[in-house]
Amino acid sequence: MVEIPEEAQAAALRAVVAAAAARDEAQAHLAARVSELEAAAVAAAEVGAARTRIRQLARVSSKTLYTWFEAAGLDVRPTTKH
């Protein structure tokens, strides 16, 4: 059987659509997990956990952590330039 170029193209495009859908699902899952992590980090700070320890356990940068804290209305010192 001879494959028509349009059939090969259609199959390739279906693969693109499937990969894009899988990526979208993974990104949605990741966004939900990050949201959970943010809420947990803020809750830990609110009960007095050390911010350095929160950052270490959350495995995020200081900038990310303090962005979350600011968004939650927690006190954050202004950054200092050395």
Protein backbone atom coordinates (compact mmCIF):
# COMPACT_ATOMS: atom_id res chain seq x y z
CA MET A 1 0.00 0.00 0.00
CA VAL A 2 1.28 3.42 -0.95
CA GLU A 3 0.91 6.12 1.67
CA ILE A 4 -0.36 9.45 0.42
CA PRO A 5 1.68 12.46 1.64
CA GLU A 6 -1.47 14.04 3.09
CA GLU A 7 -2.01 10.94 5.25
CA ALA A 8 1.53 11.19 6.64
CA GLN A 9 1.02 14.90 7.28
CA ALA A 10 -2.30 14.26 9.02
CA ALA A 11 -0.71 11.60 11.23
CA ALA A 12 2.14 13.95 12.11
CA LEU A 13 -0.30 16.73 12.94
CA ARG A 14 -2.32 14.38 15.15
CA ALA A 15 0.90 13.61 17.02
CA VAL A 16 1.49 17.36 17.48
CA VAL A 17 -2.04 17.80 18.84
CA ALA A 18 -1.58 14.86 21.25
CA ALA A 19 1.76 16.19 22.49
CA ALA A 20 0.32 19.68 22.99
CA ALA A 21 -2.60 18.26 24.95
CA ALA A 22 -0.24 16.25 27.16
CA ARG A 23 1.86 19.36 27.75
CA ASP A 24 -1.22 21.41 28.66
CA GLU A 25 -2.29 18.74 31.14
CA ALA A 26 1.18 18.65 32.70
CA GLN A 27 1.30 22.44 32.99
CA ALA A 28 -2.12 22.53 34.66
CA HIS A 29 -1.01 19.84 37.10
CA LEU A 30 2.21 21.75 37.85
CA ALA A 31 0.35 25.03 38.38
CA ALA A 32 -1.93 23.33 40.90
CA ARG A 33 1.03 21.84 42.79
CA VAL A 34 2.85 25.20 42.86
CA SER A 35 -0.30 26.83 44.23
CA GLU A 36 -0.43 24.19 46.98
CA LEU A 37 3.24 24.79 47.77
CA GLU A 38 2.70 28.55 47.94
CA ALA A 39 -0.23 28.13 50.34
CA ALA A 40 1.75 25.73 52.52
CA ALA A 41 4.77 28.08 52.63
CA VAL A 42 2.60 31.04 53.59
CA ALA A 43 0.84 29.00 56.27
CA ALA A 44 4.19 27.92 57.70
CA ALA A 45 5.36 31.54 57.86
CA GLU A 46 2.12 32.60 59.52
CA VAL A 47 2.68 30.15 62.38
CA GLY A 48 6.25 31.35 62.88
CA ALA A 49 8.39 28.85 60.98
CA ALA A 50 11.81 30.18 60.03
CA ARG A 51 11.69 31.64 56.55
CA THR A 52 15.07 30.19 55.61
CA ARG A 53 13.85 26.72 56.57
CA ILE A 54 10.63 27.22 54.59
CA ARG A 55 12.67 28.21 51.54
CA GLN A 56 14.98 25.22 51.90
CA LEU A 57 12.17 22.73 52.27
CA ALA A 58 10.10 24.28 49.48
CA ARG A 59 13.19 24.27 47.24
CA VAL A 60 12.43 27.72 45.84
CA SER A 61 14.47 30.88 45.50
CA SER A 62 14.29 33.66 48.06
CA LYS A 63 12.74 35.89 45.41
CA THR A 64 9.92 33.39 44.79
CA LEU A 65 9.29 32.87 48.49
CA TYR A 66 9.17 36.57 49.30
CA THR A 67 6.95 37.23 46.30
CA TRP A 68 4.50 34.72 47.75
CA PHE A 69 4.75 36.34 51.19
CA GLU A 70 4.12 39.81 49.77
CA ALA A 71 1.11 38.56 47.84
CA ALA A 72 -0.26 37.08 51.06
CA GLY A 73 0.22 40.34 52.92
CA LEU A 74 3.06 39.16 55.14
CA ASP A 75 5.76 41.61 56.21
CA VAL A 76 8.79 41.51 53.94
CA ARG A 77 11.87 43.68 54.43
CA PRO A 78 12.95 45.70 51.42
CA THR A 79 15.93 44.22 49.62
CA THR A 80 19.31 45.81 50.21
CA LYS A 81 21.96 46.35 47.59
CA HIS A 82 25.53 45.59 48.67
